Amino acid sequence: MTIIRHTIGKKLTPKIKYQRKKMFTKTQRETILKKWGQEVYIRILNEIEIYTDKWKLSDMHFNDSYSMNAIFFCNSETYGECVLKIGSNFQDKEFVWEYNILREYKGRRFIKVYESEIDISNRKKVMLIERVNPGTQLESEKSLDKRLSVFSELFNGLHIEPEDPLKYKKYIDGVNDCVDMISKNIDHKELYSHMLKAKDIFLSLSAAYQKEVLLHGDLQFHNILLKGNGKYIISDPQGRIGAYIFDIPRYILIEYYNMSKDKRFDKINYIITYLEKSLNVPGTIIKQCFYIETTKFECYLASLDDYNKDISTVIFAETIMKN
């Protein structure tokens, strides 16, 4: 497949216009322009042309995802079915962290990264990674015990030490960022108090669990995908450094958001009891990690324009921790 290269301000020939329509639907193009802008849109088209030729790709199909990256399903002469991931103008460091952690794990329980070209100074963020088929998210598994079993099997023995810790953001940096962010808003005094408490608990746990390893950072059922062989694999790492216990609570938090309110207390306690046994981590430690992660996540929500100032989730996590 060949895409005609574009430049800003260049008059489009009929052939270029045809190729543009072929790559994106009208709705997709308009959404990309609205979310990322014309510069990113043109860069995406240019880079598809470049890497289609360079990495011998074909059958390029855009995935309707508009977070921070443009995702294309494709075929590679060398690797078979792949995903071409092109970064927008946002989250440069996050793109690099993701690449680094995938490279370090080398396909061990994580998806593989086959090729890449990353040069942030020149707006170059491109990866060719493994495509997972059927790629069904673990969330689709109806049995809670089965989901917890899959998570535990992937988690146990997963974490490795980084080649160079300086290439990643530390978990403590995220904690400090939340403290700083929420301290500047007088409307969130109660949440700020919780975040200070969460930081104290984090420091206490860090003193007990001093070994720092590579963390996924968002290890939950949306990022655990089913392969054709019936095994599950991990995708979309954030790339963090910290004690391995801090990779547990995000899974619990996303399960929390996925269950009815009247069942949350019993189910979250059940999950923690299950993970205490399957991961060999004391339940009290898991509860503390859950409180830290929940409070951090609430601070992130507080940074959004439509935040409703409801910290019931944090209070719930605190109740679980004290139970």
C-alpha atoms as a PDB file:
ATOM      1  CA  MET A   1       0.000   0.000   0.000  1.00  0.00           C
ATOM      2  CA  THR A   2       1.378   3.432  -0.910  1.00  0.00           C
ATOM      3  CA  ILE A   3       0.343   6.713   0.650  1.00  0.00           C
ATOM      4  CA  ILE A   4       1.245   9.999  -1.041  1.00  0.00           C
ATOM      5  CA  ARG A   5       3.310  12.193   1.271  1.00  0.00           C
ATOM      6  CA  HIS A   6       1.745  15.476   2.366  1.00  0.00           C
ATOM      7  CA  THR A   7       3.177  18.799   3.461  1.00  0.00           C
ATOM      8  CA  ILE A   8       1.319  21.614   5.172  1.00  0.00           C
ATOM      9  CA  GLY A   9       0.080  24.137   2.643  1.00  0.00           C
ATOM     10  CA  LYS A  10       0.689  21.865  -0.349  1.00  0.00           C
ATOM     11  CA  LYS A  11      -2.114  21.762  -2.894  1.00  0.00           C
ATOM     12  CA  LEU A  12      -3.706  18.334  -2.983  1.00  0.00           C
ATOM     13  CA  THR A  13      -3.875  16.524  -6.303  1.00  0.00           C
ATOM     14  CA  PRO A  14      -6.861  14.266  -7.081  1.00  0.00           C
ATOM     15  CA  LYS A  15      -4.648  11.236  -6.390  1.00  0.00           C
ATOM     16  CA  ILE A  16      -3.669  12.548  -2.963  1.00  0.00           C
ATOM     17  CA  LYS A  17      -7.294  13.264  -2.126  1.00  0.00           C
ATOM     18  CA  TYR A  18      -8.220   9.732  -3.168  1.00  0.00           C
ATOM     19  CA  GLN A  19      -5.504   8.221  -0.967  1.00  0.00           C
ATOM     20  CA  ARG A  20      -6.649  10.347   1.979  1.00  0.00           C
ATOM     21  CA  LYS A  21     -10.211   9.068   1.631  1.00  0.00           C
ATOM     22  CA  LYS A  22      -8.904   5.531   1.352  1.00  0.00           C
ATOM     23  CA  MET A  23      -6.954   5.716   4.618  1.00  0.00           C
ATOM     24  CA  PHE A  24      -9.640   7.308   6.829  1.00  0.00           C
ATOM     25  CA  THR A  25     -13.383   7.719   6.702  1.00  0.00           C
ATOM     26  CA  LYS A  26     -14.665  11.279   6.744  1.00  0.00           C
ATOM     27  CA  THR A  27     -15.673  10.898  10.402  1.00  0.00           C
ATOM     28  CA  GLN A  28     -12.275   9.482  11.355  1.00  0.00           C
ATOM     29  CA  ARG A  29     -10.419  12.285   9.590  1.00  0.00           C
ATOM     30  CA  GLU A  30     -12.569  14.944  11.231  1.00  0.00           C
ATOM     31  CA  THR A  31     -12.067  13.354  14.657  1.00  0.00           C
ATOM     32  CA  ILE A  32      -8.292  13.213  14.202  1.00  0.00           C
ATOM     33  CA  LEU A  33      -8.180  16.847  13.096  1.00  0.00           C
ATOM     34  CA  LYS A  34     -10.298  17.890  16.077  1.00  0.00           C
ATOM     35  CA  LYS A  35      -8.335  15.911  18.686  1.00  0.00           C
ATOM     36  CA  TRP A  36      -4.781  16.128  17.343  1.00  0.00           C
ATOM     37  CA  GLY A  37      -4.734  18.875  14.727  1.00  0.00           C
ATOM     38  CA  GLN A  38      -3.692  19.125  11.088  1.00  0.00           C
ATOM     39  CA  GLU A  39       0.041  18.837  11.798  1.00  0.00           C
ATOM     40  CA  VAL A  40      -0.367  15.443  13.457  1.00  0.00           C
ATOM     41  CA  TYR A  41      -2.831  14.314  10.809  1.00  0.00           C
ATOM     42  CA  ILE A  42      -0.381  15.063   7.996  1.00  0.00           C
ATOM     43  CA  ARG A  43       2.511  13.517   9.933  1.00  0.00           C
ATOM     44  CA  ILE A  44       0.522  10.315  10.405  1.00  0.00           C
ATOM     45  CA  LEU A  45      -0.061  10.058   6.653  1.00  0.00           C
ATOM     46  CA  ASN A  46       3.596  10.735   5.909  1.00  0.00           C
ATOM     47  CA  GLU A  47       4.816   8.154   8.401  1.00  0.00           C
ATOM     48  CA  ILE A  48       2.435   5.502   7.119  1.00  0.00           C
ATOM     49  CA  GLU A  49       4.066   5.959   3.721  1.00  0.00           C
ATOM     50  CA  ILE A  50       7.574   5.818   5.163  1.00  0.00           C
ATOM     51  CA  TYR A  51       7.109   2.745   7.334  1.00  0.00           C
ATOM     52  CA  THR A  52       4.913   0.854   4.903  1.00  0.00           C
ATOM     53  CA  ASP A  53       7.932   0.838   2.622  1.00  0.00           C
ATOM     54  CA  LYS A  54      10.647   0.550   5.281  1.00  0.00           C
ATOM     55  CA  TRP A  55       9.096  -2.262   7.297  1.00  0.00           C
ATOM     56  CA  LYS A  56       7.282  -3.921   4.368  1.00  0.00           C
ATOM     57  CA  LEU A  57       3.769  -3.455   5.713  1.00  0.00           C
ATOM     58  CA  SER A  58       0.465  -4.038   3.955  1.00  0.00           C
ATOM     59  CA  ASP A  59      -3.298  -4.179   4.615  1.00  0.00           C
ATOM     60  CA  MET A  60      -3.246  -1.076   6.796  1.00  0.00           C
ATOM     61  CA  HIS A  61      -6.473  -0.520   8.778  1.00  0.00           C
ATOM     62  CA  PHE A  62      -7.063   2.322  11.231  1.00  0.00           C
ATOM     63  CA  ASN A  63      -8.425   1.385  14.645  1.00  0.00           C
ATOM     64  CA  ASP A  64     -10.982   3.899  15.922  1.00  0.00           C
ATOM     65  CA  SER A  65      -8.952   4.890  18.959  1.00  0.00           C
ATOM     66  CA  TYR A  66      -8.141   8.523  19.679  1.00  0.00           C
ATOM     67  CA  SER A  67      -6.325   8.589  23.009  1.00  0.00           C
ATOM     68  CA  MET A  68      -2.689   9.591  22.641  1.00  0.00           C
ATOM     69  CA  ASN A  69      -1.686   7.386  19.713  1.00  0.00           C
ATOM     70  CA  ALA A  70      -2.920   6.434  16.253  1.00  0.00           C
ATOM     71  CA  ILE A  71      -3.270   2.658  16.011  1.00  0.00           C
ATOM     72  CA  PHE A  72      -3.203   0.736  12.717  1.00  0.00           C
ATOM     73  CA  PHE A  73      -3.618  -2.999  12.240  1.00  0.00           C
ATOM     74  CA  CYS A  74      -1.408  -4.289   9.443  1.00  0.00           C
ATOM     75  CA  ASN A  75       0.581  -7.215   8.068  1.00  0.00           C
ATOM     76  CA  SER A  76       4.360  -7.425   7.972  1.00  0.00           C
ATOM     77  CA  GLU A  77       6.331  -9.589   5.563  1.00  0.00           C
ATOM     78  CA  THR A  78       8.721 -10.333   8.416  1.00  0.00           C
ATOM     79  CA  TYR A  79       6.531 -10.581  11.535  1.00  0.00           C
ATOM     80  CA  GLY A  80       3.015 -11.356  10.311  1.00  0.00           C
ATOM     81  CA  GLU A  81       0.087  -9.561  11.914  1.00  0.00           C
ATOM     82  CA  CYS A  82       1.231  -6.383  13.664  1.00  0.00           C
ATOM     83  CA  VAL A  83       0.147  -3.067  15.104  1.00  0.00           C
ATOM     84  CA  LEU A  84       1.677   0.180  13.882  1.00  0.00           C
ATOM     85  CA  LYS A  85       1.559   2.729  16.694  1.00  0.00           C
ATOM     86  CA  ILE A  86       2.155   6.386  15.840  1.00  0.00           C
ATOM     87  CA  GLY A  87       2.277   8.920  18.661  1.00  0.00           C
ATOM     88  CA  SER A  88       0.475  12.246  18.597  1.00  0.00           C
ATOM     89  CA  ASN A  89       1.969  15.439  20.048  1.00  0.00           C
ATOM     90  CA  PHE A  90       1.117  14.409  23.610  1.00  0.00           C
ATOM     91  CA  GLN A  91       2.771  12.233  26.270  1.00  0.00           C
ATOM     92  CA  ASP A  92       6.224  11.997  24.708  1.00  0.00           C
ATOM     93  CA  LYS A  93       7.838  10.547  27.819  1.00  0.00           C
ATOM     94  CA  GLU A  94       5.057   7.993  28.207  1.00  0.00           C
ATOM     95  CA  PHE A  95       5.649   6.720  24.675  1.00  0.00           C
ATOM     96  CA  VAL A  96       9.351   6.251  25.406  1.00  0.00           C
ATOM     97  CA  TRP A  97       8.651   4.535  28.722  1.00  0.00           C
ATOM     98  CA  GLU A  98       6.303   2.109  27.017  1.00  0.00           C
ATOM     99  CA  TYR A  99       8.881   1.302  24.363  1.00  0.00           C
ATOM    100  CA  ASN A 100      11.642   0.804  26.926  1.00  0.00           C
ATOM    101  CA  ILE A 101       9.672  -1.590  29.107  1.00  0.00           C
ATOM    102  CA  LEU A 102       8.496  -3.656  26.123  1.00  0.00           C
ATOM    103  CA  ARG A 103      12.077  -3.859  24.892  1.00  0.00           C
ATOM    104  CA  GLU A 104      13.364  -4.944  28.312  1.00  0.00           C
ATOM    105  CA  TYR A 105      10.744  -7.667  28.769  1.00  0.00           C
ATOM    106  CA  LYS A 106      11.461  -9.046  25.263  1.00  0.00           C
ATOM    107  CA  GLY A 107       8.041 -10.627  24.886  1.00  0.00           C
ATOM    108  CA  ARG A 108       8.105 -12.326  28.295  1.00  0.00           C
ATOM    109  CA  ARG A 109       4.419 -12.071  29.311  1.00  0.00           C
ATOM    110  CA  PHE A 110       4.292  -8.719  27.471  1.00  0.00           C
ATOM    111  CA  ILE A 111       3.560  -8.117  23.810  1.00  0.00           C
ATOM    112  CA  LYS A 112       6.665  -7.894  21.622  1.00  0.00           C
ATOM    113  CA  VAL A 113       8.029  -4.734  20.051  1.00  0.00           C
ATOM    114  CA  TYR A 114       9.503  -5.536  16.642  1.00  0.00           C
ATOM    115  CA  GLU A 115      10.676  -2.214  15.225  1.00  0.00           C
ATOM    116  CA  SER A 116      10.787   1.388  16.364  1.00  0.00           C
ATOM    117  CA  GLU A 117      11.955   4.868  15.519  1.00  0.00           C
ATOM    118  CA  ILE A 118      11.744   7.385  18.339  1.00  0.00           C
ATOM    119  CA  ASP A 119      13.190  10.887  18.151  1.00  0.00           C
ATOM    120  CA  ILE A 120      11.150  13.219  20.321  1.00  0.00           C
ATOM    121  CA  SER A 121      13.001  16.349  19.191  1.00  0.00           C
ATOM    122  CA  ASN A 122      11.810  15.676  15.637  1.00  0.00           C
ATOM    123  CA  ARG A 123       8.297  14.530  16.620  1.00  0.00           C
ATOM    124  CA  LYS A 124       9.110  10.940  15.700  1.00  0.00           C
ATOM    125  CA  LYS A 125       7.253   8.326  17.774  1.00  0.00           C
ATOM    126  CA  VAL A 126       6.635   5.093  15.885  1.00  0.00           C
ATOM    127  CA  MET A 127       6.524   1.454  17.016  1.00  0.00           C
ATOM    128  CA  LEU A 128       5.687  -1.778  15.255  1.00  0.00           C
ATOM    129  CA  ILE A 129       4.399  -4.202  17.872  1.00  0.00           C
ATOM    130  CA  GLU A 130       2.819  -7.622  18.121  1.00  0.00           C
ATOM    131  CA  ARG A 131      -0.872  -7.907  17.363  1.00  0.00           C
ATOM    132  CA  VAL A 132      -2.790 -10.165  19.729  1.00  0.00           C
ATOM    133  CA  ASN A 133      -5.580 -12.313  18.277  1.00  0.00           C
ATOM    134  CA  PRO A 134      -8.355 -12.555  19.220  1.00  0.00           C
ATOM    135  CA  GLY A 135      -7.219  -9.869  21.678  1.00  0.00           C
ATOM    136  CA  THR A 136     -10.252 -10.247  23.948  1.00  0.00           C
ATOM    137  CA  GLN A 137      -9.783  -8.267  27.138  1.00  0.00           C
ATOM    138  CA  LEU A 138      -9.771 -10.197  30.413  1.00  0.00           C
ATOM    139  CA  GLU A 139     -12.739  -8.069  31.438  1.00  0.00           C
ATOM    140  CA  SER A 140     -14.888 -10.256  29.155  1.00  0.00           C
ATOM    141  CA  GLU A 141     -14.269 -13.298  31.347  1.00  0.00           C
ATOM    142  CA  LYS A 142     -17.434 -13.578  33.461  1.00  0.00           C
ATOM    143  CA  SER A 143     -15.908 -15.543  36.317  1.00  0.00           C
ATOM    144  CA  LEU A 144     -14.223 -13.328  38.914  1.00  0.00           C
ATOM    145  CA  ASP A 145     -12.158 -16.277  40.141  1.00  0.00           C
ATOM    146  CA  LYS A 146     -10.926 -16.931  36.606  1.00  0.00           C
ATOM    147  CA  ARG A 147      -9.965 -13.283  36.145  1.00  0.00           C
ATOM    148  CA  LEU A 148      -8.085 -13.291  39.440  1.00  0.00           C
ATOM    149  CA  SER A 149      -6.383 -16.561  38.515  1.00  0.00           C
ATOM    150  CA  VAL A 150      -5.166 -15.118  35.196  1.00  0.00           C
ATOM    151  CA  PHE A 151      -3.968 -11.928  36.862  1.00  0.00           C
ATOM    152  CA  SER A 152      -2.137 -13.896  39.566  1.00  0.00           C
ATOM    153  CA  GLU A 153      -0.478 -16.228  37.063  1.00  0.00           C
ATOM    154  CA  LEU A 154       0.814 -13.275  35.050  1.00  0.00           C
ATOM    155  CA  PHE A 155       1.841 -11.313  38.136  1.00  0.00           C
ATOM    156  CA  ASN A 156       3.824 -13.969  39.989  1.00  0.00           C
ATOM    157  CA  GLY A 157       7.456 -13.852  38.904  1.00  0.00           C
ATOM    158  CA  LEU A 158       6.739 -11.059  36.423  1.00  0.00           C
ATOM    159  CA  HIS A 159       8.829  -8.164  37.645  1.00  0.00           C
ATOM    160  CA  ILE A 160      12.445  -7.622  36.654  1.00  0.00           C
ATOM    161  CA  GLU A 161      15.030  -5.039  37.583  1.00  0.00           C
ATOM    162  CA  PRO A 162      15.507  -2.237  35.033  1.00  0.00           C
ATOM    163  CA  GLU A 163      18.665  -1.989  32.974  1.00  0.00           C
ATOM    164  CA  ASP A 164      18.790   1.708  33.756  1.00  0.00           C
ATOM    165  CA  PRO A 165      16.369   3.084  36.394  1.00  0.00           C
ATOM    166  CA  LEU A 166      16.946   6.623  35.128  1.00  0.00           C
ATOM    167  CA  LYS A 167      15.010   5.803  31.947  1.00  0.00           C
ATOM    168  CA  TYR A 168      11.739   5.608  33.880  1.00  0.00           C
ATOM    169  CA  LYS A 169       9.522   7.601  36.182  1.00  0.00           C
ATOM    170  CA  LYS A 170       9.386   6.319  39.742  1.00  0.00           C
ATOM    171  CA  TYR A 171       6.157   5.444  41.533  1.00  0.00           C
ATOM    172  CA  ILE A 172       7.106   7.899  44.252  1.00  0.00           C
ATOM    173  CA  ASP A 173       7.264  10.653  41.626  1.00  0.00           C
ATOM    174  CA  GLY A 174       3.613   9.995  40.838  1.00  0.00           C
ATOM    175  CA  VAL A 175       2.778  10.195  44.535  1.00  0.00           C
ATOM    176  CA  ASN A 176       4.612  13.505  44.880  1.00  0.00           C
ATOM    177  CA  ASP A 177       2.974  14.860  41.725  1.00  0.00           C
ATOM    178  CA  CYS A 178      -0.445  14.161  43.227  1.00  0.00           C
ATOM    179  CA  VAL A 179       0.446  15.841  46.498  1.00  0.00           C
ATOM    180  CA  ASP A 180       1.725  18.932  44.693  1.00  0.00           C
ATOM    181  CA  MET A 181      -1.207  19.116  42.310  1.00  0.00           C
ATOM    182  CA  ILE A 182      -3.962  18.745  44.885  1.00  0.00           C
ATOM    183  CA  SER A 183      -2.264  21.100  47.397  1.00  0.00           C
ATOM    184  CA  LYS A 184      -2.734  24.007  44.985  1.00  0.00           C
ATOM    185  CA  ASN A 185      -6.525  23.747  44.960  1.00  0.00           C
ATOM    186  CA  ILE A 186      -8.307  25.043  48.048  1.00  0.00           C
ATOM    187  CA  ASP A 187     -11.492  23.266  46.959  1.00  0.00           C
ATOM    188  CA  HIS A 188      -9.940  19.865  47.628  1.00  0.00           C
ATOM    189  CA  LYS A 189      -8.790  20.114  51.229  1.00  0.00           C
ATOM    190  CA  GLU A 190     -10.231  16.734  52.233  1.00  0.00           C
ATOM    191  CA  LEU A 191      -8.682  14.991  49.240  1.00  0.00           C
ATOM    192  CA  TYR A 192      -5.369  16.710  49.987  1.00  0.00           C
ATOM    193  CA  SER A 193      -5.499  15.345  53.535  1.00  0.00           C
ATOM    194  CA  HIS A 194      -6.057  11.845  52.162  1.00  0.00           C
ATOM    195  CA  MET A 195      -3.181  12.246  49.705  1.00  0.00           C
ATOM    196  CA  LEU A 196      -0.802  13.252  52.488  1.00  0.00           C
ATOM    197  CA  LYS A 197      -1.904  10.186  54.440  1.00  0.00           C
ATOM    198  CA  ALA A 198      -1.431   8.013  51.354  1.00  0.00           C
ATOM    199  CA  LYS A 199       2.101   9.365  50.916  1.00  0.00           C
ATOM    200  CA  ASP A 200       3.001   8.530  54.518  1.00  0.00           C
ATOM    201  CA  ILE A 201       1.735   4.978  54.033  1.00  0.00           C
ATOM    202  CA  PHE A 202       3.652   4.726  50.762  1.00  0.00           C
ATOM    203  CA  LEU A 203       6.906   5.772  52.447  1.00  0.00           C
ATOM    204  CA  SER A 204       6.347   3.209  55.175  1.00  0.00           C
ATOM    205  CA  LEU A 205       5.749   0.425  52.650  1.00  0.00           C
ATOM    206  CA  SER A 206       8.747   1.510  50.579  1.00  0.00           C
ATOM    207  CA  ALA A 207      10.960   1.147  53.633  1.00  0.00           C
ATOM    208  CA  ALA A 208       9.771  -2.444  54.016  1.00  0.00           C
ATOM    209  CA  TYR A 209       9.881  -3.269  50.274  1.00  0.00           C
ATOM    210  CA  GLN A 210      13.067  -1.594  49.121  1.00  0.00           C
ATOM    211  CA  LYS A 211      13.854  -3.522  45.941  1.00  0.00           C
ATOM    212  CA  GLU A 212      12.754  -1.491  42.918  1.00  0.00           C
ATOM    213  CA  VAL A 213      11.633  -3.242  39.746  1.00  0.00           C
ATOM    214  CA  LEU A 214       9.962  -2.414  36.446  1.00  0.00           C
ATOM    215  CA  LEU A 215       6.258  -1.837  36.996  1.00  0.00           C
ATOM    216  CA  HIS A 216       3.552  -1.962  34.363  1.00  0.00           C
ATOM    217  CA  GLY A 217       1.764   0.929  36.056  1.00  0.00           C
ATOM    218  CA  ASP A 218      -1.715   0.068  34.760  1.00  0.00           C
ATOM    219  CA  LEU A 219      -1.917  -3.685  35.184  1.00  0.00           C
ATOM    220  CA  GLN A 220      -5.673  -4.316  34.967  1.00  0.00           C
ATOM    221  CA  PHE A 221      -8.096  -6.383  32.936  1.00  0.00           C
ATOM    222  CA  HIS A 222      -8.324  -3.975  29.989  1.00  0.00           C
ATOM    223  CA  ASN A 223      -4.594  -4.460  29.406  1.00  0.00           C
ATOM    224  CA  ILE A 224      -4.600  -8.251  29.648  1.00  0.00           C
ATOM    225  CA  LEU A 225      -5.454  -9.808  26.284  1.00  0.00           C
ATOM    226  CA  LEU A 226      -6.340 -13.334  25.185  1.00  0.00           C
ATOM    227  CA  LYS A 227      -4.140 -15.011  22.590  1.00  0.00           C
ATOM    228  CA  GLY A 228      -5.190 -17.698  20.139  1.00  0.00           C
ATOM    229  CA  ASN A 229      -3.454 -20.383  22.219  1.00  0.00           C
ATOM    230  CA  GLY A 230      -5.733 -19.675  25.185  1.00  0.00           C
ATOM    231  CA  LYS A 231      -3.017 -17.838  27.122  1.00  0.00           C
ATOM    232  CA  TYR A 232      -3.170 -14.208  28.177  1.00  0.00           C
ATOM    233  CA  ILE A 233      -0.573 -11.520  27.519  1.00  0.00           C
ATOM    234  CA  ILE A 234       0.015  -7.999  28.870  1.00  0.00           C
ATOM    235  CA  SER A 235      -0.204  -4.818  26.788  1.00  0.00           C
ATOM    236  CA  ASP A 236       0.059  -1.023  27.123  1.00  0.00           C
ATOM    237  CA  PRO A 237       2.551  -0.626  29.981  1.00  0.00           C
ATOM    238  CA  GLN A 238       3.062   2.810  31.447  1.00  0.00           C
ATOM    239  CA  GLY A 239       6.580   2.002  32.608  1.00  0.00           C
ATOM    240  CA  ARG A 240       7.327   2.842  36.235  1.00  0.00           C
ATOM    241  CA  ILE A 241       9.948   1.964  38.876  1.00  0.00           C
ATOM    242  CA  GLY A 242       9.018   0.833  42.362  1.00  0.00           C
ATOM    243  CA  ALA A 243       8.359  -2.089  44.686  1.00  0.00           C
ATOM    244  CA  TYR A 244       6.442  -4.884  42.974  1.00  0.00           C
ATOM    245  CA  ILE A 245       3.524  -4.573  45.416  1.00  0.00           C
ATOM    246  CA  PHE A 246       2.540  -1.269  43.804  1.00  0.00           C
ATOM    247  CA  ASP A 247       1.550  -3.114  40.610  1.00  0.00           C
ATOM    248  CA  ILE A 248      -1.284  -4.880  42.473  1.00  0.00           C
ATOM    249  CA  PRO A 249      -3.834  -2.178  43.367  1.00  0.00           C
ATOM    250  CA  ARG A 250      -4.711  -0.820  39.920  1.00  0.00           C
ATOM    251  CA  TYR A 251      -6.275  -4.178  39.089  1.00  0.00           C
ATOM    252  CA  ILE A 252      -8.438  -4.034  42.215  1.00  0.00           C
ATOM    253  CA  LEU A 253      -9.453  -0.432  41.524  1.00  0.00           C
ATOM    254  CA  ILE A 254     -10.679  -1.180  37.989  1.00  0.00           C
ATOM    255  CA  GLU A 255     -12.616  -4.202  39.273  1.00  0.00           C
ATOM    256  CA  TYR A 256     -14.178  -1.830  41.805  1.00  0.00           C
ATOM    257  CA  TYR A 257     -15.416   0.507  39.076  1.00  0.00           C
ATOM    258  CA  ASN A 258     -16.837  -2.458  37.175  1.00  0.00           C
ATOM    259  CA  MET A 259     -19.119  -3.796  39.931  1.00  0.00           C
ATOM    260  CA  SER A 260     -22.434  -2.655  41.350  1.00  0.00           C
ATOM    261  CA  LYS A 261     -22.259  -0.414  44.406  1.00  0.00           C
ATOM    262  CA  ASP A 262     -24.154  -2.750  46.706  1.00  0.00           C
ATOM    263  CA  LYS A 263     -21.627  -5.562  46.155  1.00  0.00           C
ATOM    264  CA  ARG A 264     -18.410  -3.578  46.318  1.00  0.00           C
ATOM    265  CA  PHE A 265     -17.509  -4.032  49.976  1.00  0.00           C
ATOM    266  CA  ASP A 266     -17.855  -7.814  50.001  1.00  0.00           C
ATOM    267  CA  LYS A 267     -16.339  -8.293  46.562  1.00  0.00           C
ATOM    268  CA  ILE A 268     -13.308  -6.090  47.157  1.00  0.00           C
ATOM    269  CA  ASN A 269     -12.610  -7.896  50.413  1.00  0.00           C
ATOM    270  CA  TYR A 270     -12.979 -11.197  48.558  1.00  0.00           C
ATOM    271  CA  ILE A 271     -10.515 -10.044  45.883  1.00  0.00           C
ATOM    272  CA  ILE A 272      -7.976  -8.971  48.486  1.00  0.00           C
ATOM    273  CA  THR A 273      -8.307 -12.280  50.354  1.00  0.00           C
ATOM    274  CA  TYR A 274      -7.839 -14.150  47.074  1.00  0.00           C
ATOM    275  CA  LEU A 275      -4.757 -12.134  46.084  1.00  0.00           C
ATOM    276  CA  GLU A 276      -3.283 -12.442  49.571  1.00  0.00           C
ATOM    277  CA  LYS A 277      -3.092 -16.198  48.999  1.00  0.00           C
ATOM    278  CA  SER A 278      -2.305 -16.257  45.269  1.00  0.00           C
ATOM    279  CA  LEU A 279       0.407 -13.568  45.388  1.00  0.00           C
ATOM    280  CA  ASN A 280       1.722 -14.341  48.875  1.00  0.00           C
ATOM    281  CA  VAL A 281       1.364 -10.699  49.939  1.00  0.00           C
ATOM    282  CA  PRO A 282      -0.270  -9.877  53.301  1.00  0.00           C
ATOM    283  CA  GLY A 283      -3.804  -8.580  52.977  1.00  0.00           C
ATOM    284  CA  THR A 284      -2.976  -5.560  55.133  1.00  0.00           C
ATOM    285  CA  ILE A 285      -0.290  -4.567  52.608  1.00  0.00           C
ATOM    286  CA  ILE A 286      -2.649  -4.993  49.646  1.00  0.00           C
ATOM    287  CA  LYS A 287      -5.274  -2.860  51.400  1.00  0.00           C
ATOM    288  CA  GLN A 288      -2.755  -0.092  51.989  1.00  0.00           C
ATOM    289  CA  CYS A 289      -1.652  -0.217  48.355  1.00  0.00           C
ATOM    290  CA  PHE A 290      -5.294  -0.046  47.289  1.00  0.00           C
ATOM    291  CA  TYR A 291      -5.801   3.092  49.385  1.00  0.00           C
ATOM    292  CA  ILE A 292      -2.691   4.735  47.918  1.00  0.00           C
ATOM    293  CA  GLU A 293      -3.638   3.933  44.322  1.00  0.00           C
ATOM    294  CA  THR A 294      -7.261   4.963  44.797  1.00  0.00           C
ATOM    295  CA  THR A 295      -6.264   8.306  46.292  1.00  0.00           C
ATOM    296  CA  LYS A 296      -3.757   8.920  43.496  1.00  0.00           C
ATOM    297  CA  PHE A 297      -6.400   8.122  40.900  1.00  0.00           C
ATOM    298  CA  GLU A 298      -8.881  10.468  42.560  1.00  0.00           C
ATOM    299  CA  CYS A 299      -6.291  13.246  42.415  1.00  0.00           C
ATOM    300  CA  TYR A 300      -5.992  12.641  38.688  1.00  0.00           C
ATOM    301  CA  LEU A 301      -9.776  12.879  38.333  1.00  0.00           C
ATOM    302  CA  ALA A 302      -9.705  16.122  40.322  1.00  0.00           C
ATOM    303  CA  SER A 303      -7.535  17.647  37.598  1.00  0.00           C
ATOM    304  CA  LEU A 304     -10.299  17.191  35.025  1.00  0.00           C
ATOM    305  CA  ASP A 305     -12.741  19.972  34.220  1.00  0.00           C
ATOM    306  CA  ASP A 306     -15.872  17.941  34.969  1.00  0.00           C
ATOM    307  CA  TYR A 307     -14.732  16.653  38.376  1.00  0.00           C
ATOM    308  CA  ASN A 308     -17.685  16.384  40.770  1.00  0.00           C
ATOM    309  CA  LYS A 309     -15.667  16.532  44.035  1.00  0.00           C
ATOM    310  CA  ASP A 310     -17.090  13.194  45.176  1.00  0.00           C
ATOM    311  CA  ILE A 311     -14.340  11.344  47.071  1.00  0.00           C
ATOM    312  CA  SER A 312     -16.524   8.423  48.144  1.00  0.00           C
ATOM    313  CA  THR A 313     -14.142   6.025  46.390  1.00  0.00           C
ATOM    314  CA  VAL A 314     -11.249   7.228  48.547  1.00  0.00           C
ATOM    315  CA  ILE A 315     -13.359   6.945  51.683  1.00  0.00           C
ATOM    316  CA  PHE A 316     -14.346   3.422  50.601  1.00  0.00           C
ATOM    317  CA  ALA A 317     -10.693   2.444  50.161  1.00  0.00           C
ATOM    318  CA  GLU A 318      -9.895   3.891  53.575  1.00  0.00           C
ATOM    319  CA  THR A 319     -12.711   1.837  55.105  1.00  0.00           C
ATOM    320  CA  ILE A 320     -11.354  -1.306  53.436  1.00  0.00           C
ATOM    321  CA  MET A 321      -7.882  -0.502  54.777  1.00  0.00           C
ATOM    322  CA  LYS A 322      -9.178  -0.116  58.335  1.00  0.00           C
ATOM    323  CA  ASN A 323     -11.388  -3.212  58.174  1.00  0.00           C
END
